[in-house]
Amino acid sequence: MGLLCLWWLLLLLFNALPQIDIYASKHFFVQEACKATGTVGGTCGYFPYRQETYLGLLRILFFRLPYLIALMMAWKLAVCYWHCGATFNVARARTFKVALGSLIIGPVILVNFLLKAHWGRPRPWQTLDFGGYLDFVQAGSMAGKCMSNCSFVSGEAAGAGWVFCLIFLIPQPARSALALPLAAVSFLAPAMRVAFGAHYLSDVILGWLSSIVIFAGLLALTDSPQGKKKSEI
């Protein structure tokens, strides 16, 4: 509940202070003289990191990583159910179900099928402030004119947030070895989306945190005292 309240407070903050998003994106935008006369909005330029080939390849890797991990987890969950009776590992199966469930509910359904499809917020490079053709709208607003695959919130940031959650599920000693690289991927992937002009700061923060909220909620539900009482009957 605390994480959910934090998500809403951050949304209200970004909605009330939209200049935060514009200020953050301007750090990655290079303005240049417009070559064509009558350019819409009079602002021309580009996001240089968006044109770097190696960063584009890294972005593809980060985008696919959560779903590659999910495929491996689905296979391991199926292996768990091959066992029965005393050999069935309840805790291991629960871990995989929480992880897969939070990915499906969060990045897949909530972010990509609901928020990005219906909120209509243009990406930075689509807006007049950064050489685009659409008006800027603040976080949470449905007044944007983006038609599909819009900016609010970032699906890749949500996937990166899910990757961060896996740190808490990995048993020791593997956790100590994998925590740092997973955390690095989790923070670098959303930062790259801002640097590319593909998302505003609010999009990546709210997208990243949405996965943490859903993961924590599922973990709490599956670890409820009521569920333990039922298993003891």
Protein backbone atom coordinates (compact mmCIF):
# COMPACT_ATOMS: atom_id res chain seq x y z
CA MET A 1 0.00 0.00 0.00
CA GLY A 2 2.90 2.33 0.74
CA LEU A 3 4.39 1.75 -2.72
CA LEU A 4 1.01 2.31 -4.35
CA CYS A 5 0.58 5.60 -2.50
CA LEU A 6 4.07 6.62 -3.58
CA TRP A 7 3.16 5.91 -7.23
CA TRP A 8 0.12 8.19 -7.02
CA LEU A 9 2.06 10.92 -5.22
CA LEU A 10 4.71 10.88 -7.95
CA LEU A 11 2.02 11.03 -10.62
CA LEU A 12 0.47 14.07 -8.93
CA LEU A 13 3.91 15.68 -8.65
CA PHE A 14 4.73 15.24 -12.35
CA ASN A 15 1.23 16.32 -13.33
CA ALA A 16 1.44 19.51 -11.26
CA LEU A 17 5.03 20.29 -12.31
CA PRO A 18 5.29 19.28 -15.98
CA GLN A 19 8.42 21.39 -16.41
CA ILE A 20 10.36 18.60 -14.68
CA ASP A 21 9.82 16.36 -17.70
CA ILE A 22 10.76 19.03 -20.22
CA TYR A 23 13.84 20.03 -18.24
CA ALA A 24 15.10 16.42 -18.04
CA SER A 25 14.57 15.75 -21.77
CA LYS A 26 16.30 18.99 -22.79
CA HIS A 27 19.56 17.65 -21.40
CA PHE A 28 19.62 15.04 -24.17
CA PHE A 29 18.30 17.22 -27.03
CA VAL A 30 20.56 19.10 -29.42
CA GLN A 31 18.80 22.08 -30.97
CA GLU A 32 19.82 23.23 -34.42
CA ALA A 33 18.71 25.74 -37.02
CA CYS A 34 15.67 24.70 -39.00
CA LYS A 35 16.55 24.03 -42.64
CA ALA A 36 13.00 24.13 -43.98
CA THR A 37 10.97 27.31 -43.85
CA GLY A 38 7.70 27.24 -41.97
CA THR A 39 8.74 24.37 -39.72
CA VAL A 40 5.95 23.53 -37.28
CA GLY A 41 6.65 25.07 -33.90
CA GLY A 42 9.94 26.59 -35.07
CA THR A 43 12.03 24.10 -33.04
CA CYS A 44 14.43 21.75 -34.79
CA GLY A 45 17.01 19.34 -33.50
CA TYR A 46 17.57 15.74 -32.54
CA PHE A 47 18.41 13.34 -29.72
CA PRO A 48 21.99 12.21 -30.55
CA TYR A 49 21.94 9.09 -28.39
CA ARG A 50 19.02 7.84 -30.49
CA GLN A 51 21.37 7.58 -33.49
CA GLU A 52 24.09 5.53 -31.80
CA THR A 53 24.12 2.01 -33.27
CA TYR A 54 25.64 0.26 -30.26
CA LEU A 55 23.11 1.88 -27.91
CA GLY A 56 20.31 0.75 -30.22
CA LEU A 57 21.55 -2.84 -30.01
CA LEU A 58 21.84 -2.55 -26.23
CA ARG A 59 18.28 -1.25 -26.09
CA ILE A 60 17.03 -4.29 -28.05
CA LEU A 61 18.79 -6.59 -25.57
CA PHE A 62 17.28 -4.79 -22.58
CA PHE A 63 13.84 -4.85 -24.21
CA ARG A 64 13.91 -8.61 -24.76
CA LEU A 65 15.68 -9.64 -21.56
CA PRO A 66 12.58 -9.76 -19.27
CA TYR A 67 10.71 -12.00 -21.69
CA LEU A 68 13.68 -14.30 -22.21
CA ILE A 69 13.93 -14.67 -18.43
CA ALA A 70 10.17 -15.29 -18.28
CA LEU A 71 10.42 -18.12 -20.83
CA MET A 72 13.09 -19.78 -18.73
CA MET A 73 10.96 -19.36 -15.60
CA ALA A 74 7.90 -20.82 -17.32
CA TRP A 75 9.94 -23.87 -18.27
CA LYS A 76 11.25 -24.26 -14.70
CA LEU A 77 7.71 -23.89 -13.34
CA ALA A 78 6.56 -26.69 -15.65
CA VAL A 79 9.42 -28.83 -14.34
CA CYS A 80 8.22 -28.16 -10.78
CA TYR A 81 4.79 -29.57 -11.63
CA TRP A 82 6.31 -32.74 -13.02
CA HIS A 83 7.03 -33.60 -9.40
CA CYS A 84 4.29 -34.51 -6.98
CA GLY A 85 3.86 -35.37 -3.34
CA ALA A 86 6.92 -34.95 -1.14
CA THR A 87 9.15 -33.98 -4.08
CA PHE A 88 7.00 -30.97 -5.08
CA ASN A 89 8.78 -27.75 -4.12
CA VAL A 90 5.96 -25.41 -3.04
CA ALA A 91 8.20 -22.42 -2.33
CA ARG A 92 9.99 -22.69 -5.68
CA ALA A 93 6.72 -22.95 -7.60
CA ARG A 94 5.32 -19.94 -5.70
CA THR A 95 8.39 -17.89 -6.61
CA PHE A 96 7.99 -18.60 -10.31
CA LYS A 97 4.24 -17.90 -10.23
CA VAL A 98 4.70 -14.56 -8.47
CA ALA A 99 7.40 -13.53 -10.95
CA LEU A 100 5.44 -14.57 -14.05
CA GLY A 101 2.16 -13.19 -12.71
CA SER A 102 3.66 -9.78 -11.95
CA LEU A 103 5.14 -9.60 -15.46
CA ILE A 104 1.82 -10.44 -17.11
CA ILE A 105 -0.28 -8.13 -14.94
CA GLY A 106 2.22 -5.24 -14.94
CA PRO A 107 4.30 -4.64 -18.09
CA VAL A 108 2.06 -6.67 -20.41
CA ILE A 109 -1.54 -5.88 -19.42
CA LEU A 110 -1.47 -2.69 -17.32
CA VAL A 111 1.28 -0.84 -19.20
CA ASN A 112 1.17 -2.01 -22.82
CA PHE A 113 -2.51 -2.94 -23.22
CA LEU A 114 -4.11 -0.27 -21.03
CA LEU A 115 -1.99 2.80 -20.29
CA LYS A 116 0.09 3.08 -23.47
CA ALA A 117 -2.87 2.24 -25.68
CA HIS A 118 -5.39 4.69 -24.22
CA TRP A 119 -3.62 7.64 -22.56
CA GLY A 120 -2.36 9.23 -25.79
CA ARG A 121 0.67 11.05 -24.39
CA PRO A 122 3.14 11.86 -27.20
CA ARG A 123 6.76 10.88 -26.88
CA PRO A 124 9.27 13.73 -26.49
CA TRP A 125 10.52 13.50 -30.08
CA GLN A 126 6.92 13.79 -31.27
CA THR A 127 6.27 17.11 -29.50
CA LEU A 128 6.74 20.69 -30.65
CA ASP A 129 9.30 21.30 -27.89
CA PHE A 130 11.66 18.82 -29.54
CA GLY A 131 11.06 19.31 -33.24
CA GLY A 132 7.88 17.24 -33.48
CA TYR A 133 4.32 18.04 -34.48
CA LEU A 134 2.20 17.36 -31.38
CA ASP A 135 1.53 19.39 -28.25
CA PHE A 136 3.16 18.41 -24.97
CA VAL A 137 0.81 17.01 -22.32
CA GLN A 138 1.71 16.33 -18.71
CA ALA A 139 1.87 12.91 -17.07
CA GLY A 140 -1.53 11.33 -16.54
CA SER A 141 -3.35 13.57 -19.02
CA MET A 142 -5.55 11.94 -21.66
CA ALA A 143 -5.57 15.08 -23.84
CA GLY A 144 -2.65 13.93 -26.00
CA LYS A 145 -3.05 13.21 -29.71
CA CYS A 146 -0.78 10.16 -29.92
CA MET A 147 -2.77 7.38 -31.60
CA SER A 148 -0.88 4.20 -30.60
CA ASN A 149 2.18 2.95 -28.69
CA CYS A 150 2.28 6.20 -26.73
CA SER A 151 4.60 7.49 -24.04
CA PHE A 152 2.66 7.07 -20.78
CA VAL A 153 4.04 4.95 -19.22
CA SER A 154 7.23 3.30 -20.45
CA GLY A 155 6.82 -0.40 -21.16
CA GLU A 156 10.56 -0.98 -21.20
CA ALA A 157 10.96 0.78 -17.86
CA ALA A 158 8.21 -1.47 -16.47
CA GLY A 159 10.11 -4.50 -17.75
CA ALA A 160 13.29 -3.16 -16.17
CA GLY A 161 11.46 -2.70 -12.87
CA TRP A 162 10.37 -6.33 -13.06
CA VAL A 163 13.99 -7.39 -13.59
CA PHE A 164 14.90 -5.50 -10.40
CA CYS A 165 12.25 -7.48 -8.48
CA LEU A 166 13.97 -10.74 -9.42
CA ILE A 167 16.88 -9.83 -7.15
CA PHE A 168 14.65 -10.53 -4.14
CA LEU A 169 13.66 -13.96 -5.47
CA ILE A 170 17.11 -15.32 -6.31
CA PRO A 171 18.48 -17.53 -3.51
CA GLN A 172 21.97 -17.10 -2.11
CA PRO A 173 24.77 -17.33 -3.13
CA ALA A 174 23.54 -16.55 -6.67
CA ARG A 175 21.86 -13.35 -5.42
CA SER A 176 25.18 -11.79 -4.42
CA ALA A 177 26.63 -12.50 -7.86
CA LEU A 178 23.61 -11.37 -9.91
CA ALA A 179 22.27 -8.45 -7.86
CA LEU A 180 24.64 -5.83 -9.22
CA PRO A 181 24.29 -6.67 -12.96
CA LEU A 182 20.50 -6.97 -12.68
CA ALA A 183 20.29 -3.64 -10.85
CA ALA A 184 22.51 -2.02 -13.48
CA VAL A 185 20.27 -3.25 -16.30
CA SER A 186 17.18 -2.18 -14.36
CA PHE A 187 18.38 1.42 -14.02
CA LEU A 188 20.22 1.79 -17.33
CA ALA A 189 17.33 0.65 -19.54
CA PRO A 190 14.90 3.40 -18.39
CA ALA A 191 17.67 6.03 -18.48
CA MET A 192 18.33 5.17 -22.12
CA ARG A 193 14.67 5.72 -23.00
CA VAL A 194 14.91 9.29 -21.67
CA ALA A 195 18.23 9.85 -23.47
CA PHE A 196 16.69 8.61 -26.75
CA GLY A 197 13.79 11.06 -26.47
CA ALA A 198 11.43 8.10 -26.43
CA HIS A 199 9.98 8.79 -22.97
CA TYR A 200 9.81 11.55 -20.39
CA LEU A 201 11.32 11.16 -16.94
CA SER A 202 7.86 10.65 -15.43
CA ASP A 203 7.11 7.85 -17.92
CA VAL A 204 10.12 5.81 -16.91
CA ILE A 205 9.86 6.42 -13.16
CA LEU A 206 6.15 5.57 -13.03
CA GLY A 207 6.59 2.62 -15.39
CA TRP A 208 9.50 1.24 -13.36
CA LEU A 209 7.70 1.70 -10.05
CA SER A 210 4.47 0.13 -11.35
CA SER A 211 6.20 -3.24 -11.62
CA ILE A 212 7.53 -2.94 -8.07
CA VAL A 213 4.01 -2.16 -6.79
CA ILE A 214 2.44 -5.14 -8.56
CA PHE A 215 5.23 -7.51 -7.58
CA ALA A 216 4.98 -6.48 -3.91
CA GLY A 217 1.20 -6.84 -4.02
CA LEU A 218 1.31 -10.36 -5.46
CA LEU A 219 4.02 -11.37 -3.03
CA ALA A 220 1.90 -10.13 -0.12
CA LEU A 221 -1.24 -11.87 -1.40
CA THR A 222 0.47 -15.23 -1.83
CA ASP A 223 2.06 -14.93 1.62
CA SER A 224 -1.14 -13.98 3.45
CA PRO A 225 -1.88 -15.62 6.82
CA GLN A 226 -5.30 -16.65 5.49
CA GLY A 227 -3.63 -18.70 2.76
CA LYS A 228 -1.41 -20.39 5.32
CA LYS A 229 -4.40 -21.30 7.49
CA LYS A 230 -6.16 -22.90 4.51
CA SER A 231 -3.07 -24.97 3.70
CA GLU A 232 -3.04 -26.28 7.29
CA ILE A 233 -6.65 -27.51 7.19
